[in-house]
Amino acid sequence: MDTTPKWYNLRGPYRNFSMIVNNRIQVIHIGAIGQLANGVKFHALLSQSWNRGRPFSLEPIPGGVKQFSGLLEVVVPSGLWGGLEWKGSLAADAGQWLTPSVAGMLTLRKTGWF
């Protein structure tokens, strides 16, 4: 599996770090936020993009490239002390434009008085 980002391999005028090389895209965004009956909250963001490069060129990135990005967060209240909650987050990028990656975070938060 090649983990080098697609933009890194671009040649000529497409690989120029002083200008935007990917502003001709199509994207679908889907998001959801909610709360379950037991107080658990969730937040999900998903995006699928088709990256074509710069305008005013018939096909600046040959064939274009696909990219998926997603984020899922879950917040669980704890009955141990009032105002204590656990939050878990998971994010992922998969596709040809960015290097595929996964990241997560677990946090414990206390609000109010002990």
PDB file of N, CA and C in Angstrom:
ATOM      1  N   MET A   1       0.843  -1.187   0.000  1.00  0.00           N
ATOM      2  CA  MET A   1       0.000   0.000   0.000  1.00  0.00           C
ATOM      3  C   MET A   1       0.881   1.241   0.000  1.00  0.00           C
ATOM      4  N   ASP A   2       0.672   2.109  -0.952  1.00  0.00           N
ATOM      5  CA  ASP A   2       1.440   3.346  -1.049  1.00  0.00           C
ATOM      6  C   ASP A   2       0.861   4.370  -0.086  1.00  0.00           C
ATOM      7  N   THR A   3       1.657   4.867   0.845  1.00  0.00           N
ATOM      8  CA  THR A   3       1.173   5.841   1.821  1.00  0.00           C
ATOM      9  C   THR A   3       1.632   7.257   1.506  1.00  0.00           C
ATOM     10  N   THR A   4       2.223   7.465   0.340  1.00  0.00           N
ATOM     11  CA  THR A   4       2.637   8.808  -0.055  1.00  0.00           C
ATOM     12  C   THR A   4       1.418   9.570  -0.564  1.00  0.00           C
ATOM     13  N   PRO A   5       1.170  10.783  -0.054  1.00  0.00           N
ATOM     14  CA  PRO A   5       0.014  11.540  -0.540  1.00  0.00           C
ATOM     15  C   PRO A   5       0.106  11.819  -2.030  1.00  0.00           C
ATOM     16  N   LYS A   6      -1.048  11.836  -2.702  1.00  0.00           N
ATOM     17  CA  LYS A   6      -1.084  12.052  -4.151  1.00  0.00           C
ATOM     18  C   LYS A   6      -0.455  13.399  -4.520  1.00  0.00           C
ATOM     19  N   TRP A   7      -0.727  14.452  -3.739  1.00  0.00           N
ATOM     20  CA  TRP A   7      -0.199  15.776  -4.086  1.00  0.00           C
ATOM     21  C   TRP A   7       1.324  15.806  -4.022  1.00  0.00           C
ATOM     22  N   TYR A   8       1.934  14.919  -3.230  1.00  0.00           N
ATOM     23  CA  TYR A   8       3.386  14.909  -3.088  1.00  0.00           C
ATOM     24  C   TYR A   8       4.065  14.463  -4.382  1.00  0.00           C
ATOM     25  N   ASN A   9       3.393  13.611  -5.160  1.00  0.00           N
ATOM     26  CA  ASN A   9       3.966  13.079  -6.392  1.00  0.00           C
ATOM     27  C   ASN A   9       3.662  13.924  -7.625  1.00  0.00           C
ATOM     28  N   LEU A  10       2.933  15.014  -7.463  1.00  0.00           N
ATOM     29  CA  LEU A  10       2.600  15.847  -8.613  1.00  0.00           C
ATOM     30  C   LEU A  10       3.853  16.493  -9.175  1.00  0.00           C
ATOM     31  N   ARG A  11       3.861  16.686 -10.473  1.00  0.00           N
ATOM     32  CA  ARG A  11       5.011  17.273 -11.162  1.00  0.00           C
ATOM     33  C   ARG A  11       4.628  18.611 -11.795  1.00  0.00           C
ATOM     34  N   GLY A  12       5.627  19.387 -12.141  1.00  0.00           N
ATOM     35  CA  GLY A  12       5.401  20.621 -12.861  1.00  0.00           C
ATOM     36  C   GLY A  12       4.615  21.640 -12.052  1.00  0.00           C
ATOM     37  N   PRO A  13       3.689  22.359 -12.711  1.00  0.00           N
ATOM     38  CA  PRO A  13       2.985  23.450 -12.045  1.00  0.00           C
ATOM     39  C   PRO A  13       2.004  22.970 -10.979  1.00  0.00           C
ATOM     40  N   TYR A  14       1.709  21.674 -10.923  1.00  0.00           N
ATOM     41  CA  TYR A  14       0.761  21.179  -9.930  1.00  0.00           C
ATOM     42  C   TYR A  14       1.392  21.036  -8.555  1.00  0.00           C
ATOM     43  N   ARG A  15       2.702  20.920  -8.500  1.00  0.00           N
ATOM     44  CA  ARG A  15       3.375  20.818  -7.213  1.00  0.00           C
ATOM     45  C   ARG A  15       4.010  22.154  -6.904  1.00  0.00           C
ATOM     46  N   ASN A  16       3.238  23.007  -6.298  1.00  0.00           N
ATOM     47  CA  ASN A  16       3.693  24.341  -5.971  1.00  0.00           C
ATOM     48  C   ASN A  16       3.120  24.667  -4.604  1.00  0.00           C
ATOM     49  N   PHE A  17       3.960  24.725  -3.588  1.00  0.00           N
ATOM     50  CA  PHE A  17       3.490  24.909  -2.227  1.00  0.00           C
ATOM     51  C   PHE A  17       3.091  26.351  -1.922  1.00  0.00           C
ATOM     52  N   SER A  18       3.294  27.268  -2.855  1.00  0.00           N
ATOM     53  CA  SER A  18       2.914  28.653  -2.622  1.00  0.00           C
ATOM     54  C   SER A  18       1.539  28.971  -3.191  1.00  0.00           C
ATOM     55  N   MET A  19       0.871  27.991  -3.800  1.00  0.00           N
ATOM     56  CA  MET A  19      -0.474  28.242  -4.328  1.00  0.00           C
ATOM     57  C   MET A  19      -1.348  27.015  -4.091  1.00  0.00           C
ATOM     58  N   ILE A  20      -2.636  27.209  -4.166  1.00  0.00           N
ATOM     59  CA  ILE A  20      -3.589  26.125  -3.965  1.00  0.00           C
ATOM     60  C   ILE A  20      -3.602  25.252  -5.207  1.00  0.00           C
ATOM     61  N   VAL A  21      -3.415  23.960  -5.025  1.00  0.00           N
ATOM     62  CA  VAL A  21      -3.384  23.052  -6.164  1.00  0.00           C
ATOM     63  C   VAL A  21      -4.616  22.150  -6.215  1.00  0.00           C
ATOM     64  N   ASN A  22      -5.549  22.343  -5.286  1.00  0.00           N
ATOM     65  CA  ASN A  22      -6.707  21.454  -5.254  1.00  0.00           C
ATOM     66  C   ASN A  22      -7.955  22.244  -4.889  1.00  0.00           C
ATOM     67  N   ASN A  23      -8.428  23.093  -5.780  1.00  0.00           N
ATOM     68  CA  ASN A  23      -9.648  23.824  -5.482  1.00  0.00           C
ATOM     69  C   ASN A  23     -10.771  23.494  -6.461  1.00  0.00           C
ATOM     70  N   ARG A  24     -10.632  22.426  -7.187  1.00  0.00           N
ATOM     71  CA  ARG A  24     -11.713  21.937  -8.041  1.00  0.00           C
ATOM     72  C   ARG A  24     -12.099  20.557  -7.514  1.00  0.00           C
ATOM     73  N   ILE A  25     -13.087  20.541  -6.616  1.00  0.00           N
ATOM     74  CA  ILE A  25     -13.483  19.304  -5.956  1.00  0.00           C
ATOM     75  C   ILE A  25     -14.996  19.168  -5.924  1.00  0.00           C
ATOM     76  N   GLN A  26     -15.436  17.944  -5.756  1.00  0.00           N
ATOM     77  CA  GLN A  26     -16.834  17.637  -5.460  1.00  0.00           C
ATOM     78  C   GLN A  26     -16.819  16.926  -4.116  1.00  0.00           C
ATOM     79  N   VAL A  27     -17.709  17.327  -3.207  1.00  0.00           N
ATOM     80  CA  VAL A  27     -17.706  16.758  -1.860  1.00  0.00           C
ATOM     81  C   VAL A  27     -19.131  16.476  -1.413  1.00  0.00           C
ATOM     82  N   ILE A  28     -19.292  15.356  -0.739  1.00  0.00           N
ATOM     83  CA  ILE A  28     -20.549  15.033  -0.054  1.00  0.00           C
ATOM     84  C   ILE A  28     -20.231  15.001   1.435  1.00  0.00           C
ATOM     85  N   HIS A  29     -20.945  15.808   2.228  1.00  0.00           N
ATOM     86  CA  HIS A  29     -20.786  15.839   3.680  1.00  0.00           C
ATOM     87  C   HIS A  29     -22.046  15.264   4.312  1.00  0.00           C
ATOM     88  N   ILE A  30     -21.878  14.404   5.289  1.00  0.00           N
ATOM     89  CA  ILE A  30     -23.003  13.867   6.052  1.00  0.00           C
ATOM     90  C   ILE A  30     -22.650  14.024   7.524  1.00  0.00           C
ATOM     91  N   GLY A  31     -23.575  14.543   8.293  1.00  0.00           N
ATOM     92  CA  GLY A  31     -23.329  14.720   9.717  1.00  0.00           C
ATOM     93  C   GLY A  31     -24.526  14.294  10.530  1.00  0.00           C
ATOM     94  N   ALA A  32     -24.271  13.843  11.742  1.00  0.00           N
ATOM     95  CA  ALA A  32     -25.341  13.453  12.660  1.00  0.00           C
ATOM     96  C   ALA A  32     -24.911  13.796  14.077  1.00  0.00           C
ATOM     97  N   ILE A  33     -25.881  14.250  14.851  1.00  0.00           N
ATOM     98  CA  ILE A  33     -25.642  14.541  16.254  1.00  0.00           C
ATOM     99  C   ILE A  33     -26.894  14.119  17.000  1.00  0.00           C
ATOM    100  N   GLY A  34     -26.713  13.556  18.180  1.00  0.00           N
ATOM    101  CA  GLY A  34     -27.883  13.108  18.911  1.00  0.00           C
ATOM    102  C   GLY A  34     -27.549  12.689  20.324  1.00  0.00           C
ATOM    103  N   GLN A  35     -28.608  12.278  21.018  1.00  0.00           N
ATOM    104  CA  GLN A  35     -28.468  11.816  22.392  1.00  0.00           C
ATOM    105  C   GLN A  35     -29.382  10.628  22.592  1.00  0.00           C
ATOM    106  N   LEU A  36     -28.843   9.572  23.187  1.00  0.00           N
ATOM    107  CA  LEU A  36     -29.614   8.377  23.476  1.00  0.00           C
ATOM    108  C   LEU A  36     -30.351   8.547  24.796  1.00  0.00           C
ATOM    109  N   ALA A  37     -31.271   7.654  25.083  1.00  0.00           N
ATOM    110  CA  ALA A  37     -32.099   7.760  26.284  1.00  0.00           C
ATOM    111  C   ALA A  37     -31.280   7.731  27.575  1.00  0.00           C
ATOM    112  N   ASN A  38     -30.169   7.040  27.608  1.00  0.00           N
ATOM    113  CA  ASN A  38     -29.355   6.951  28.822  1.00  0.00           C
ATOM    114  C   ASN A  38     -28.384   8.121  28.989  1.00  0.00           C
ATOM    115  N   GLY A  39     -28.498   9.160  28.165  1.00  0.00           N
ATOM    116  CA  GLY A  39     -27.660  10.351  28.276  1.00  0.00           C
ATOM    117  C   GLY A  39     -26.397  10.316  27.443  1.00  0.00           C
ATOM    118  N   VAL A  40     -26.154   9.227  26.728  1.00  0.00           N
ATOM    119  CA  VAL A  40     -24.977   9.133  25.866  1.00  0.00           C
ATOM    120  C   VAL A  40     -25.191  10.014  24.636  1.00  0.00           C
ATOM    121  N   LYS A  41     -24.231  10.884  24.359  1.00  0.00           N
ATOM    122  CA  LYS A  41     -24.302  11.785  23.209  1.00  0.00           C
ATOM    123  C   LYS A  41     -23.352  11.292  22.126  1.00  0.00           C
ATOM    124  N   PHE A  42     -23.714  11.522  20.872  1.00  0.00           N
ATOM    125  CA  PHE A  42     -22.834  11.130  19.773  1.00  0.00           C
ATOM    126  C   PHE A  42     -22.802  12.231  18.725  1.00  0.00           C
ATOM    127  N   HIS A  43     -21.714  12.227  17.965  1.00  0.00           N
ATOM    128  CA  HIS A  43     -21.475  13.242  16.940  1.00  0.00           C
ATOM    129  C   HIS A  43     -20.689  12.548  15.832  1.00  0.00           C
ATOM    130  N   ALA A  44     -21.205  12.546  14.621  1.00  0.00           N
ATOM    131  CA  ALA A  44     -20.525  11.888  13.508  1.00  0.00           C
ATOM    132  C   ALA A  44     -20.451  12.840  12.315  1.00  0.00           C
ATOM    133  N   LEU A  45     -19.294  12.915  11.692  1.00  0.00           N
ATOM    134  CA  LEU A  45     -19.082  13.719  10.492  1.00  0.00           C
ATOM    135  C   LEU A  45     -18.362  12.847   9.458  1.00  0.00           C
ATOM    136  N   LEU A  46     -18.913  12.756   8.266  1.00  0.00           N
ATOM    137  CA  LEU A  46     -18.330  11.952   7.196  1.00  0.00           C
ATOM    138  C   LEU A  46     -18.253  12.791   5.927  1.00  0.00           C
ATOM    139  N   SER A  47     -17.153  12.683   5.202  1.00  0.00           N
ATOM    140  CA  SER A  47     -16.982  13.412   3.947  1.00  0.00           C
ATOM    141  C   SER A  47     -16.335  12.508   2.903  1.00  0.00           C
ATOM    142  N   GLN A  48     -16.869  12.557   1.710  1.00  0.00           N
ATOM    143  CA  GLN A  48     -16.271  11.866   0.558  1.00  0.00           C
ATOM    144  C   GLN A  48     -16.005  12.936  -0.487  1.00  0.00           C
ATOM    145  N   SER A  49     -14.769  12.994  -0.987  1.00  0.00           N
ATOM    146  CA  SER A  49     -14.439  14.017  -1.982  1.00  0.00           C
ATOM    147  C   SER A  49     -13.812  13.393  -3.213  1.00  0.00           C
ATOM    148  N   TRP A  50     -14.018  14.073  -4.322  1.00  0.00           N
ATOM    149  CA  TRP A  50     -13.394  13.744  -5.602  1.00  0.00           C
ATOM    150  C   TRP A  50     -12.575  14.970  -5.975  1.00  0.00           C
ATOM    151  N   ASN A  51     -11.265  14.844  -5.926  1.00  0.00           N
ATOM    152  CA  ASN A  51     -10.342  15.968  -6.097  1.00  0.00           C
ATOM    153  C   ASN A  51      -9.819  15.990  -7.524  1.00  0.00           C
ATOM    154  N   ARG A  52      -9.983  17.126  -8.182  1.00  0.00           N
ATOM    155  CA  ARG A  52      -9.620  17.229  -9.593  1.00  0.00           C
ATOM    156  C   ARG A  52      -8.502  18.245  -9.852  1.00  0.00           C
ATOM    157  N   GLY A  53      -8.064  18.978  -8.834  1.00  0.00           N
ATOM    158  CA  GLY A  53      -6.956  19.917  -9.013  1.00  0.00           C
ATOM    159  C   GLY A  53      -7.413  21.336  -9.247  1.00  0.00           C
ATOM    160  N   ARG A  54      -6.739  22.043 -10.154  1.00  0.00           N
ATOM    161  CA  ARG A  54      -7.030  23.455 -10.419  1.00  0.00           C
ATOM    162  C   ARG A  54      -7.993  23.619 -11.582  1.00  0.00           C
ATOM    163  N   PRO A  55      -8.756  24.722 -11.594  1.00  0.00           N
ATOM    164  CA  PRO A  55      -9.635  24.985 -12.732  1.00  0.00           C
ATOM    165  C   PRO A  55      -8.842  25.453 -13.959  1.00  0.00           C
ATOM    166  N   PHE A  56      -9.545  25.665 -15.045  1.00  0.00           N
ATOM    167  CA  PHE A  56      -8.989  26.161 -16.310  1.00  0.00           C
ATOM    168  C   PHE A  56      -7.989  25.183 -16.917  1.00  0.00           C
ATOM    169  N   SER A  57      -8.170  23.927 -16.633  1.00  0.00           N
ATOM    170  CA  SER A  57      -7.376  22.874 -17.240  1.00  0.00           C
ATOM    171  C   SER A  57      -8.315  21.698 -17.430  1.00  0.00           C
ATOM    172  N   LEU A  58      -8.219  21.005 -18.545  1.00  0.00           N
ATOM    173  CA  LEU A  58      -9.159  19.923 -18.814  1.00  0.00           C
ATOM    174  C   LEU A  58      -9.080  18.824 -17.767  1.00  0.00           C
ATOM    175  N   GLU A  59      -7.899  18.453 -17.359  1.00  0.00           N
ATOM    176  CA  GLU A  59      -7.731  17.419 -16.353  1.00  0.00           C
ATOM    177  C   GLU A  59      -6.400  17.626 -15.643  1.00  0.00           C
ATOM    178  N   PRO A  60      -6.339  18.590 -14.697  1.00  0.00           N
ATOM    179  CA  PRO A  60      -5.066  18.911 -14.070  1.00  0.00           C
ATOM    180  C   PRO A  60      -4.473  17.759 -13.259  1.00  0.00           C
ATOM    181  N   ILE A  61      -5.286  16.935 -12.649  1.00  0.00           N
ATOM    182  CA  ILE A  61      -4.798  15.727 -11.981  1.00  0.00           C
ATOM    183  C   ILE A  61      -5.390  14.565 -12.761  1.00  0.00           C
ATOM    184  N   PRO A  62      -4.596  13.857 -13.525  1.00  0.00           N
ATOM    185  CA  PRO A  62      -5.117  12.805 -14.398  1.00  0.00           C
ATOM    186  C   PRO A  62      -6.009  11.812 -13.654  1.00  0.00           C
ATOM    187  N   GLY A  63      -7.265  11.755 -14.073  1.00  0.00           N
ATOM    188  CA  GLY A  63      -8.215  10.838 -13.461  1.00  0.00           C
ATOM    189  C   GLY A  63      -8.817  11.310 -12.157  1.00  0.00           C
ATOM    190  N   GLY A  64      -8.245  12.335 -11.548  1.00  0.00           N
ATOM    191  CA  GLY A  64      -8.737  12.790 -10.252  1.00  0.00           C
ATOM    192  C   GLY A  64      -8.434  11.764  -9.175  1.00  0.00           C
ATOM    193  N   VAL A  65      -8.642  12.136  -7.922  1.00  0.00           N
ATOM    194  CA  VAL A  65      -8.401  11.222  -6.809  1.00  0.00           C
ATOM    195  C   VAL A  65      -9.559  11.313  -5.813  1.00  0.00           C
ATOM    196  N   LYS A  66      -9.819  10.200  -5.134  1.00  0.00           N
ATOM    197  CA  LYS A  66     -10.885  10.130  -4.128  1.00  0.00           C
ATOM    198  C   LYS A  66     -10.269  10.240  -2.734  1.00  0.00           C
ATOM    199  N   GLN A  67     -11.056  10.795  -1.815  1.00  0.00           N
ATOM    200  CA  GLN A  67     -10.624  10.915  -0.432  1.00  0.00           C
ATOM    201  C   GLN A  67     -11.826  10.788   0.485  1.00  0.00           C
ATOM    202  N   PHE A  68     -11.687  10.015   1.563  1.00  0.00           N
ATOM    203  CA  PHE A  68     -12.727   9.892   2.584  1.00  0.00           C
ATOM    204  C   PHE A  68     -12.159  10.367   3.905  1.00  0.00           C
ATOM    205  N   SER A  69     -12.948  11.150   4.645  1.00  0.00           N
ATOM    206  CA  SER A  69     -12.561  11.597   5.979  1.00  0.00           C
ATOM    207  C   SER A  69     -13.750  11.412   6.903  1.00  0.00           C
ATOM    208  N   GLY A  70     -13.490  10.977   8.120  1.00  0.00           N
ATOM    209  CA  GLY A  70     -14.576  10.761   9.061  1.00  0.00           C
ATOM    210  C   GLY A  70     -14.167  11.041  10.487  1.00  0.00           C
ATOM    211  N   LEU A  71     -15.164  11.418  11.291  1.00  0.00           N
ATOM    212  CA  LEU A  71     -14.970  11.684  12.714  1.00  0.00           C
ATOM    213  C   LEU A  71     -16.172  11.133  13.467  1.00  0.00           C
ATOM    214  N   LEU A  72     -15.912  10.400  14.539  1.00  0.00           N
ATOM    215  CA  LEU A  72     -16.974   9.885  15.403  1.00  0.00           C
ATOM    216  C   LEU A  72     -16.601  10.207  16.841  1.00  0.00           C
ATOM    217  N   GLU A  73     -17.530  10.833  17.552  1.00  0.00           N
ATOM    218  CA  GLU A  73     -17.313  11.168  18.959  1.00  0.00           C
ATOM    219  C   GLU A  73     -18.483  10.632  19.772  1.00  0.00           C
ATOM    220  N   VAL A  74     -18.170  10.091  20.943  1.00  0.00           N
ATOM    221  CA  VAL A  74     -19.187   9.588  21.858  1.00  0.00           C
ATOM    222  C   VAL A  74     -18.868  10.145  23.243  1.00  0.00           C
ATOM    223  N   VAL A  75     -19.875  10.717  23.911  1.00  0.00           N
ATOM    224  CA  VAL A  75     -19.721  11.272  25.256  1.00  0.00           C
ATOM    225  C   VAL A  75     -20.622  10.476  26.191  1.00  0.00           C
ATOM    226  N   VAL A  76     -20.022   9.903  27.231  1.00  0.00           N
ATOM    227  CA  VAL A  76     -20.753   9.072  28.189  1.00  0.00           C
ATOM    228  C   VAL A  76     -20.679   9.724  29.565  1.00  0.00           C
ATOM    229  N   PRO A  77     -21.837  10.112  30.133  1.00  0.00           N
ATOM    230  CA  PRO A  77     -21.809  10.689  31.479  1.00  0.00           C
ATOM    231  C   PRO A  77     -21.518   9.602  32.517  1.00  0.00           C
ATOM    232  N   SER A  78     -20.821   9.990  33.583  1.00  0.00           N
ATOM    233  CA  SER A  78     -20.501   9.051  34.654  1.00  0.00           C
ATOM    234  C   SER A  78     -21.333   9.401  35.877  1.00  0.00           C
ATOM    235  N   GLY A  79     -21.892   8.391  36.513  1.00  0.00           N
ATOM    236  CA  GLY A  79     -22.685   8.621  37.716  1.00  0.00           C
ATOM    237  C   GLY A  79     -21.859   8.712  38.975  1.00  0.00           C
ATOM    238  N   LEU A  80     -20.525   8.605  38.835  1.00  0.00           N
ATOM    239  CA  LEU A  80     -19.646   8.611  39.999  1.00  0.00           C
ATOM    240  C   LEU A  80     -19.724   9.937  40.751  1.00  0.00           C
ATOM    241  N   TRP A  81     -19.495  11.041  40.058  1.00  0.00           N
ATOM    242  CA  TRP A  81     -19.650  12.390  40.602  1.00  0.00           C
ATOM    243  C   TRP A  81     -20.464  13.186  39.599  1.00  0.00           C
ATOM    244  N   GLY A  82     -21.211  14.140  40.057  1.00  0.00           N
ATOM    245  CA  GLY A  82     -21.959  14.987  39.132  1.00  0.00           C
ATOM    246  C   GLY A  82     -21.029  15.789  38.234  1.00  0.00           C
ATOM    247  N   GLY A  83     -21.322  15.855  36.935  1.00  0.00           N
ATOM    248  CA  GLY A  83     -20.521  16.638  36.004  1.00  0.00           C
ATOM    249  C   GLY A  83     -19.317  15.917  35.430  1.00  0.00           C
ATOM    250  N   LEU A  84     -19.150  14.621  35.728  1.00  0.00           N
ATOM    251  CA  LEU A  84     -18.027  13.858  35.206  1.00  0.00           C
ATOM    252  C   LEU A  84     -18.468  13.125  33.941  1.00  0.00           C
ATOM    253  N   GLU A  85     -17.664  13.223  32.877  1.00  0.00           N
ATOM    254  CA  GLU A  85     -18.014  12.540  31.631  1.00  0.00           C
ATOM    255  C   GLU A  85     -16.771  12.044  30.905  1.00  0.00           C
ATOM    256  N   TRP A  86     -16.927  10.926  30.203  1.00  0.00           N
ATOM    257  CA  TRP A  86     -15.901  10.346  29.336  1.00  0.00           C
ATOM    258  C   TRP A  86     -16.229  10.701  27.904  1.00  0.00           C
ATOM    259  N   LYS A  87     -15.201  10.989  27.129  1.00  0.00           N
ATOM    260  CA  LYS A  87     -15.406  11.289  25.713  1.00  0.00           C
ATOM    261  C   LYS A  87     -14.374  10.524  24.897  1.00  0.00           C
ATOM    262  N   GLY A  88     -14.857   9.785  23.919  1.00  0.00           N
ATOM    263  CA  GLY A  88     -13.981   9.072  23.009  1.00  0.00           C
ATOM    264  C   GLY A  88     -14.149   9.602  21.601  1.00  0.00           C
ATOM    265  N   SER A  89     -13.057   9.833  20.910  1.00  0.00           N
ATOM    266  CA  SER A  89     -13.085  10.357  19.539  1.00  0.00           C
ATOM    267  C   SER A  89     -12.218   9.476  18.654  1.00  0.00           C
ATOM    268  N   LEU A  90     -12.683   9.262  17.434  1.00  0.00           N
ATOM    269  CA  LEU A  90     -11.935   8.507  16.446  1.00  0.00           C
ATOM    270  C   LEU A  90     -12.058   9.227  15.110  1.00  0.00           C
ATOM    271  N   ALA A  91     -10.927   9.506  14.471  1.00  0.00           N
ATOM    272  CA  ALA A  91     -10.911  10.184  13.169  1.00  0.00           C
ATOM    273  C   ALA A  91     -10.086   9.356  12.196  1.00  0.00           C
ATOM    274  N   ALA A  92     -10.467   9.393  10.927  1.00  0.00           N
ATOM    275  CA  ALA A  92      -9.742   8.620   9.917  1.00  0.00           C
ATOM    276  C   ALA A  92      -9.755   9.344   8.578  1.00  0.00           C
ATOM    277  N   ASP A  93      -8.667   9.197   7.851  1.00  0.00           N
ATOM    278  CA  ASP A  93      -8.551   9.646   6.466  1.00  0.00           C
ATOM    279  C   ASP A  93      -8.132   8.436   5.644  1.00  0.00           C
ATOM    280  N   ALA A  94      -8.810   8.235   4.529  1.00  0.00           N
ATOM    281  CA  ALA A  94      -8.465   7.133   3.637  1.00  0.00           C
ATOM    282  C   ALA A  94      -8.655   7.610   2.209  1.00  0.00           C
ATOM    283  N   GLY A  95      -7.766   7.238   1.347  1.00  0.00           N
ATOM    284  CA  GLY A  95      -7.887   7.634  -0.042  1.00  0.00           C
ATOM    285  C   GLY A  95      -6.535   7.899  -0.655  1.00  0.00           C
ATOM    286  N   GLN A  96      -6.558   8.615  -1.766  1.00  0.00           N
ATOM    287  CA  GLN A  96      -5.349   8.856  -2.534  1.00  0.00           C
ATOM    288  C   GLN A  96      -4.797  10.264  -2.365  1.00  0.00           C
ATOM    289  N   TRP A  97      -5.596  11.214  -1.882  1.00  0.00           N
ATOM    290  CA  TRP A  97      -5.132  12.597  -1.800  1.00  0.00           C
ATOM    291  C   TRP A  97      -4.269  12.827  -0.568  1.00  0.00           C
ATOM    292  N   LEU A  98      -4.755  12.429   0.616  1.00  0.00           N
ATOM    293  CA  LEU A  98      -3.990  12.555   1.850  1.00  0.00           C
ATOM    294  C   LEU A  98      -3.423  11.191   2.235  1.00  0.00           C
ATOM    295  N   THR A  99      -2.389  11.195   3.050  1.00  0.00           N
ATOM    296  CA  THR A  99      -1.839   9.946   3.548  1.00  0.00           C
ATOM    297  C   THR A  99      -2.885   9.273   4.444  1.00  0.00           C
ATOM    298  N   PRO A 100      -3.200   8.001   4.218  1.00  0.00           N
ATOM    299  CA  PRO A 100      -4.174   7.323   5.083  1.00  0.00           C
ATOM    300  C   PRO A 100      -3.717   7.374   6.542  1.00  0.00           C
ATOM    301  N   SER A 101      -4.637   7.716   7.430  1.00  0.00           N
ATOM    302  CA  SER A 101      -4.281   7.832   8.837  1.00  0.00           C
ATOM    303  C   SER A 101      -5.507   7.608   9.716  1.00  0.00           C
ATOM    304  N   VAL A 102      -5.237   7.229  10.956  1.00  0.00           N
ATOM    305  CA  VAL A 102      -6.274   7.033  11.971  1.00  0.00           C
ATOM    306  C   VAL A 102      -5.744   7.648  13.259  1.00  0.00           C
ATOM    307  N   ALA A 103      -6.630   8.334  13.989  1.00  0.00           N
ATOM    308  CA  ALA A 103      -6.240   8.933  15.264  1.00  0.00           C
ATOM    309  C   ALA A 103      -7.396   8.803  16.246  1.00  0.00           C
ATOM    310  N   GLY A 104      -7.069   8.701  17.497  1.00  0.00           N
ATOM    311  CA  GLY A 104      -8.102   8.599  18.522  1.00  0.00           C
ATOM    312  C   GLY A 104      -7.721   9.402  19.749  1.00  0.00           C
ATOM    313  N   MET A 105      -8.732   9.679  20.564  1.00  0.00           N
ATOM    314  CA  MET A 105      -8.496  10.433  21.786  1.00  0.00           C
ATOM    315  C   MET A 105      -9.534  10.006  22.822  1.00  0.00           C
ATOM    316  N   LEU A 106      -9.096   9.867  24.056  1.00  0.00           N
ATOM    317  CA  LEU A 106      -9.986   9.553  25.162  1.00  0.00           C
ATOM    318  C   LEU A 106      -9.783  10.623  26.218  1.00  0.00           C
ATOM    319  N   THR A 107     -10.860  11.270  26.640  1.00  0.00           N
ATOM    320  CA  THR A 107     -10.742  12.335  27.630  1.00  0.00           C
ATOM    321  C   THR A 107     -11.709  12.105  28.780  1.00  0.00           C
ATOM    322  N   LEU A 108     -11.334  12.621  29.920  1.00  0.00           N
ATOM    323  CA  LEU A 108     -12.178  12.620  31.107  1.00  0.00           C
ATOM    324  C   LEU A 108     -12.339  14.072  31.521  1.00  0.00           C
ATOM    325  N   ARG A 109     -13.589  14.504  31.663  1.00  0.00           N
ATOM    326  CA  ARG A 109     -13.842  15.923  31.967  1.00  0.00           C
ATOM    327  C   ARG A 109     -14.754  16.036  33.173  1.00  0.00           C
ATOM    328  N   LYS A 110     -14.440  16.969  34.059  1.00  0.00           N
ATOM    329  CA  LYS A 110     -15.247  17.247  35.245  1.00  0.00           C
ATOM    330  C   LYS A 110     -15.668  18.688  35.197  1.00  0.00           C
ATOM    331  N   THR A 111     -16.952  18.949  35.282  1.00  0.00           N
ATOM    332  CA  THR A 111     -17.457  20.320  35.338  1.00  0.00           C
ATOM    333  C   THR A 111     -18.160  20.504  36.692  1.00  0.00           C
ATOM    334  N   GLY A 112     -18.233  21.723  37.141  1.00  0.00           N
ATOM    335  CA  GLY A 112     -18.871  22.000  38.421  1.00  0.00           C
ATOM    336  C   GLY A 112     -17.944  21.746  39.601  1.00  0.00           C
ATOM    337  N   TRP A 113     -18.520  21.580  40.777  1.00  0.00           N
ATOM    338  CA  TRP A 113     -17.767  21.387  42.008  1.00  0.00           C
ATOM    339  C   TRP A 113     -17.633  19.906  42.342  1.00  0.00           C
ATOM    340  N   PHE A 114     -16.582  19.557  43.114  1.00  0.00           N
ATOM    341  CA  PHE A 114     -16.413  18.173  43.557  1.00  0.00           C
ATOM    342  C   PHE A 114     -17.340  17.839  44.675  1.00  0.00           C
TER     343      PHE A 114
END
